[in-house]
């Protein structure tokens, strides 16, 4: 088993207990964390193979593993990970993003650059891997834009899966705030969506920039609701060398591409 992200060494120790230390390799990007984890593992009697380096970089890892487990979240599956796992092997990874939404996916590698799987029940989350984290944000200024009434209140993004769907629809957008006071800010284009209430108590959305963020989100939420509004466990994922696609139900259902 290959673990991406040794961290404290706790999950590495669980792998050693279950699989035997000779069958566990773990890689950690932070040298200080790696040193402390090695000491902790030694203290409980385990000596797996420990590597220091960027787990997203397949060149720091050399092996043919039957399983890969990531203890960090990523915005898309690094193709180098699939190269480390043989056909029929398993990849267990949390997909996350800049809106703070997460889904735990279990994939089976089916060929070079190919994998497919489904998302698991529960509400698992991990810290986003550093290269997949949001870049520095410039000062946020809510400038005027195109304002209209929306039937979809921003509070829908407080829902675990609702926010996940919104993130699929606008993968380069960051979510700020919560409840009725929220801002979506697209890191790539500077597009904005923010909310207010008119004199009659109707929710107003103001959109600015080349991407109508809230239009994209409400369209995705509508497609999700039409499909029965399932939890992430109703979603699946298909990876090919050309694209990484998340879908509802099956590959013919509503789908969105990950930002590869």
Protein backbone atom coordinates (compact mmCIF):
# COMPACT_ATOMS: atom_id res chain seq x y z
CA UNK A 1 0.00 0.00 0.00
CA UNK A 2 1.17 3.52 -0.81
CA UNK A 3 0.05 6.31 1.50
CA UNK A 4 0.19 9.94 0.35
CA UNK A 5 0.70 12.09 3.43
CA UNK A 6 2.33 10.47 6.47
CA UNK A 7 1.27 13.33 8.75
CA UNK A 8 1.62 12.25 12.38
CA UNK A 9 2.07 8.62 11.36
CA UNK A 10 -1.23 7.52 12.91
CA UNK A 11 -2.84 6.25 9.71
CA UNK A 12 0.51 4.75 8.68
CA UNK A 13 0.52 2.76 11.92
CA UNK A 14 -3.00 1.52 11.18
CA UNK A 15 -1.79 0.35 7.76
CA UNK A 16 1.15 -1.47 9.37
CA UNK A 17 -1.16 -3.14 11.87
CA UNK A 18 -3.51 -4.31 9.16
CA UNK A 19 -1.09 -5.14 6.32
CA UNK A 20 2.31 -5.57 7.94
CA UNK A 21 5.03 -2.90 7.88
CA UNK A 22 6.79 -4.53 4.91
CA UNK A 23 3.71 -3.81 2.79
CA UNK A 24 3.38 -0.10 3.65
CA UNK A 25 5.12 2.86 2.00
CA UNK A 26 4.28 6.40 3.05
CA UNK A 27 5.45 9.71 1.60
CA UNK A 28 5.41 13.10 3.39
CA UNK A 29 6.28 16.48 1.87
CA UNK A 30 7.18 18.17 5.17
CA UNK A 31 10.57 17.02 6.45
CA UNK A 32 9.81 17.97 10.06
CA UNK A 33 6.53 16.07 10.03
CA UNK A 34 8.25 13.08 8.44
CA UNK A 35 10.90 13.01 11.16
CA UNK A 36 8.35 13.19 13.95
CA UNK A 37 6.18 10.52 12.32
CA UNK A 38 9.17 8.18 11.95
CA UNK A 39 9.95 8.58 15.66
CA UNK A 40 6.32 7.95 16.63
CA UNK A 41 6.13 4.84 14.46
CA UNK A 42 9.38 3.52 15.87
CA UNK A 43 8.01 4.12 19.34
CA UNK A 44 5.11 1.74 18.71
CA UNK A 45 7.30 -0.85 16.99
CA UNK A 46 6.70 -0.15 13.29
CA UNK A 47 9.27 0.52 10.56
CA UNK A 48 7.49 0.93 7.21
CA UNK A 49 9.18 2.50 4.19
CA UNK A 50 9.05 6.27 4.72
CA UNK A 51 9.85 8.76 1.95
CA UNK A 52 10.25 12.54 2.09
CA UNK A 53 9.01 14.36 -1.00
CA UNK A 54 5.98 15.69 -2.84
CA UNK A 55 3.49 12.86 -3.09
CA UNK A 56 1.92 14.53 -6.14
CA UNK A 57 5.20 14.00 -7.99
CA UNK A 58 5.30 10.39 -9.14
CA UNK A 59 9.06 10.60 -9.70
CA UNK A 60 9.71 10.51 -5.94
CA UNK A 61 7.94 7.15 -5.73
CA UNK A 62 8.98 3.97 -7.48
CA UNK A 63 6.73 0.99 -7.11
CA UNK A 64 3.80 -1.05 -8.30
CA UNK A 65 1.23 -0.93 -5.52
CA UNK A 66 -2.11 -2.65 -5.19
CA UNK A 67 -3.61 0.30 -3.32
CA UNK A 68 -3.04 4.03 -2.80
CA UNK A 69 -4.61 6.01 0.03
CA UNK A 70 -4.35 9.80 0.22
CA UNK A 71 -4.67 11.54 3.58
CA UNK A 72 -4.93 14.92 1.87
CA UNK A 73 -7.59 16.26 -0.47
CA UNK A 74 -6.98 17.14 -4.12
CA UNK A 75 -9.00 19.03 -6.73
CA UNK A 76 -8.40 16.26 -9.27
CA UNK A 77 -6.62 12.90 -9.31
CA UNK A 78 -2.92 13.23 -10.20
CA UNK A 79 -2.32 10.95 -13.17
CA UNK A 80 1.01 9.91 -11.67
CA UNK A 81 -0.90 8.17 -8.88
CA UNK A 82 -2.58 5.90 -11.39
CA UNK A 83 0.85 4.94 -12.72
CA UNK A 84 1.82 3.75 -9.23
CA UNK A 85 -1.15 1.38 -8.94
CA UNK A 86 -1.44 -1.75 -11.06
CA UNK A 87 -4.53 -2.66 -13.06
CA UNK A 88 -7.30 -3.70 -10.72
CA UNK A 89 -5.72 -1.77 -7.86
CA UNK A 90 -7.57 0.69 -5.63
CA UNK A 91 -7.20 4.43 -5.13
CA UNK A 92 -8.94 5.96 -2.10
CA UNK A 93 -8.86 9.76 -2.18
CA UNK A 94 -10.83 12.76 -1.00
CA UNK A 95 -11.73 15.27 -3.69
CA UNK A 96 -12.02 18.80 -2.37
CA UNK A 97 -12.03 22.36 -3.59
CA UNK A 98 -12.03 26.05 -2.83
CA UNK A 99 -15.65 26.16 -1.64
CA UNK A 100 -14.74 23.77 1.18
CA UNK A 101 -16.72 20.82 -0.18
CA UNK A 102 -15.44 17.22 -0.07
CA UNK A 103 -16.26 13.74 -1.35
CA UNK A 104 -14.41 10.49 -0.60
CA UNK A 105 -13.92 8.44 -3.77
CA UNK A 106 -12.91 4.79 -4.14
CA UNK A 107 -11.59 4.07 -7.64
CA UNK A 108 -10.37 1.00 -9.48
CA UNK A 109 -7.52 1.49 -11.94
CA UNK A 110 -8.50 -0.03 -15.30
CA UNK A 111 -5.52 0.91 -17.47
CA UNK A 112 -2.89 3.57 -17.99
CA UNK A 113 -4.58 6.89 -17.25
CA UNK A 114 -7.94 5.15 -16.73
CA UNK A 115 -9.93 4.56 -13.55
CA UNK A 116 -13.53 4.51 -12.42
CA UNK A 117 -15.31 4.41 -9.10
CA UNK A 118 -17.93 5.82 -6.80
CA UNK A 119 -18.09 8.14 -3.83
CA UNK A 120 -18.59 6.69 -0.36
CA UNK A 121 -21.12 7.55 2.37
CA UNK A 122 -20.26 9.91 5.18
CA UNK A 123 -18.75 13.38 5.45
CA UNK A 124 -15.00 12.81 5.18
CA UNK A 125 -12.74 15.82 4.74
CA UNK A 126 -8.98 16.40 4.63
CA UNK A 127 -6.75 19.43 4.27
CA UNK A 128 -6.20 20.26 0.59
CA UNK A 129 -2.73 19.37 -0.66
CA UNK A 130 -0.60 22.50 -0.84
CA UNK A 131 -0.22 22.71 -4.64
CA UNK A 132 -4.01 22.31 -4.98
CA UNK A 133 -4.76 25.06 -2.46
CA UNK A 134 -6.26 28.39 -3.49
CA UNK A 135 -3.67 30.94 -4.66
CA UNK A 136 -3.34 34.23 -2.76
CA UNK A 137 -6.50 36.31 -2.97
CA UNK A 138 -6.36 40.00 -3.90
CA UNK A 139 -8.45 42.43 -1.82
CA UNK A 140 -12.13 41.66 -2.29
CA UNK A 141 -14.26 44.60 -3.43
CA UNK A 142 -17.98 44.10 -4.12
CA UNK A 143 -18.33 46.30 -7.18
CA UNK A 144 -21.70 46.80 -8.93
CA UNK A 145 -22.83 44.22 -11.45
CA UNK A 146 -25.93 42.61 -12.92
CA UNK A 147 -28.57 42.23 -10.19
CA UNK A 148 -31.67 40.04 -10.34
CA UNK A 149 -34.04 38.09 -8.11
CA UNK A 150 -33.10 34.47 -7.46
CA UNK A 151 -35.41 31.69 -6.32
CA UNK A 152 -32.42 29.73 -5.01
CA UNK A 153 -31.23 31.14 -1.68
CA UNK A 154 -27.49 31.03 -0.94
CA UNK A 155 -28.21 29.04 2.23
CA UNK A 156 -28.41 26.00 -0.07
CA UNK A 157 -24.60 26.04 -0.04
CA UNK A 158 -24.62 25.31 3.69
CA UNK A 159 -25.80 21.79 2.80
CA UNK A 160 -22.95 19.24 2.60
CA UNK A 161 -23.83 17.93 -0.85
CA UNK A 162 -25.35 21.19 -2.10
CA UNK A 163 -21.99 22.89 -1.67
CA UNK A 164 -20.31 19.91 -3.38
CA UNK A 165 -22.56 20.34 -6.42
CA UNK A 166 -21.88 24.08 -6.50
CA UNK A 167 -18.15 23.42 -6.39
CA UNK A 168 -18.40 21.02 -9.31
CA UNK A 169 -20.18 23.72 -11.31
CA UNK A 170 -17.72 26.50 -10.42
CA UNK A 171 -14.45 24.76 -9.50
CA UNK A 172 -12.27 27.87 -9.45
CA UNK A 173 -14.63 29.83 -7.17
CA UNK A 174 -14.05 30.42 -3.48
CA UNK A 175 -16.97 30.65 -1.04
CA UNK A 176 -16.88 33.28 1.68
CA UNK A 177 -19.42 33.61 4.48
CA UNK A 178 -22.47 31.45 5.10
CA UNK A 179 -26.23 31.48 5.44
CA UNK A 180 -27.80 34.43 3.63
CA UNK A 181 -24.54 36.43 3.64
CA UNK A 182 -22.22 34.78 1.13
CA UNK A 183 -19.86 35.76 -1.65
CA UNK A 184 -18.60 33.56 -4.48
CA UNK A 185 -15.32 34.81 -5.90
CA UNK A 186 -13.80 33.14 -8.95
CA UNK A 187 -10.03 33.01 -8.51
CA UNK A 188 -9.33 32.48 -12.21
CA UNK A 189 -11.42 35.28 -13.73
CA UNK A 190 -12.31 37.68 -10.91
CA UNK A 191 -16.02 36.97 -11.39
CA UNK A 192 -18.23 37.59 -8.35
CA UNK A 193 -21.67 36.66 -7.04
CA UNK A 194 -23.05 38.20 -3.85
CA UNK A 195 -26.48 38.52 -2.28
CA UNK A 196 -28.92 40.96 -0.75
CA UNK A 197 -32.63 41.35 -0.04
CA UNK A 198 -34.95 43.84 -1.75
CA UNK A 199 -37.74 45.86 -0.10
CA UNK A 200 -40.20 43.01 -0.62
CA UNK A 201 -37.95 40.47 1.08
CA UNK A 202 -36.85 38.73 -2.12
CA UNK A 203 -33.30 37.42 -2.40
CA UNK A 204 -31.24 39.36 -4.92
CA UNK A 205 -28.02 38.16 -6.49
CA UNK A 206 -25.47 40.46 -8.10
CA UNK A 207 -23.12 38.88 -10.62
CA UNK A 208 -20.07 40.54 -12.08
CA UNK A 209 -17.36 39.37 -14.48
CA UNK A 210 -17.16 37.00 -17.45
CA UNK A 211 -18.61 33.99 -15.58
CA UNK A 212 -22.20 34.20 -14.23
CA UNK A 213 -21.28 32.18 -11.15
CA UNK A 214 -24.70 31.93 -9.55
CA UNK A 215 -26.34 30.97 -12.86
CA UNK A 216 -23.89 28.08 -13.15
CA UNK A 217 -24.49 27.03 -9.56
CA UNK A 218 -28.28 27.18 -9.73
CA UNK A 219 -28.28 25.18 -12.97
CA UNK A 220 -26.15 22.49 -11.30
CA UNK A 221 -28.36 22.45 -8.19
CA UNK A 222 -31.43 22.06 -10.39
CA UNK A 223 -29.90 19.11 -12.24
CA UNK A 224 -28.96 17.51 -8.90
CA UNK A 225 -32.46 17.99 -7.49
CA UNK A 226 -34.06 16.57 -10.64
CA UNK A 227 -31.90 13.47 -10.11
CA UNK A 228 -33.32 13.10 -6.58
CA UNK A 229 -30.78 15.25 -4.70
CA UNK A 230 -28.61 12.26 -3.67
CA UNK A 231 -25.74 12.43 -1.19
CA UNK A 232 -22.24 12.07 -2.66
CA UNK A 233 -22.69 8.30 -2.39
CA UNK A 234 -25.01 8.65 -5.39
CA UNK A 235 -22.15 10.10 -7.45
CA UNK A 236 -19.41 8.36 -9.42
CA UNK A 237 -16.23 9.33 -11.22
CA UNK A 238 -14.60 8.31 -14.49
CA UNK A 239 -10.98 9.11 -15.35
CA UNK A 240 -9.52 8.93 -18.84
CA UNK A 241 -6.35 10.53 -20.23
CA UNK A 242 -8.58 13.24 -21.73
CA UNK A 243 -10.79 14.19 -18.76
CA UNK A 244 -11.88 13.47 -15.20
CA UNK A 245 -15.67 13.49 -14.92
CA UNK A 246 -17.95 13.31 -11.87
CA UNK A 247 -21.49 12.12 -12.56
CA UNK A 248 -24.75 11.32 -10.78
CA UNK A 249 -26.20 7.82 -10.98
CA UNK A 250 -24.24 6.54 -13.95
CA UNK A 251 -22.04 7.89 -16.72
CA UNK A 252 -25.11 8.95 -18.71
CA UNK A 253 -26.40 11.09 -15.83
CA UNK A 254 -25.69 14.77 -15.06
CA UNK A 255 -21.93 15.31 -15.07
CA UNK A 256 -19.20 17.86 -14.51
CA UNK A 257 -15.51 17.88 -15.38
CA UNK A 258 -12.87 18.34 -12.72
CA UNK A 259 -10.28 21.12 -13.19
CA UNK A 260 -7.35 19.05 -14.50
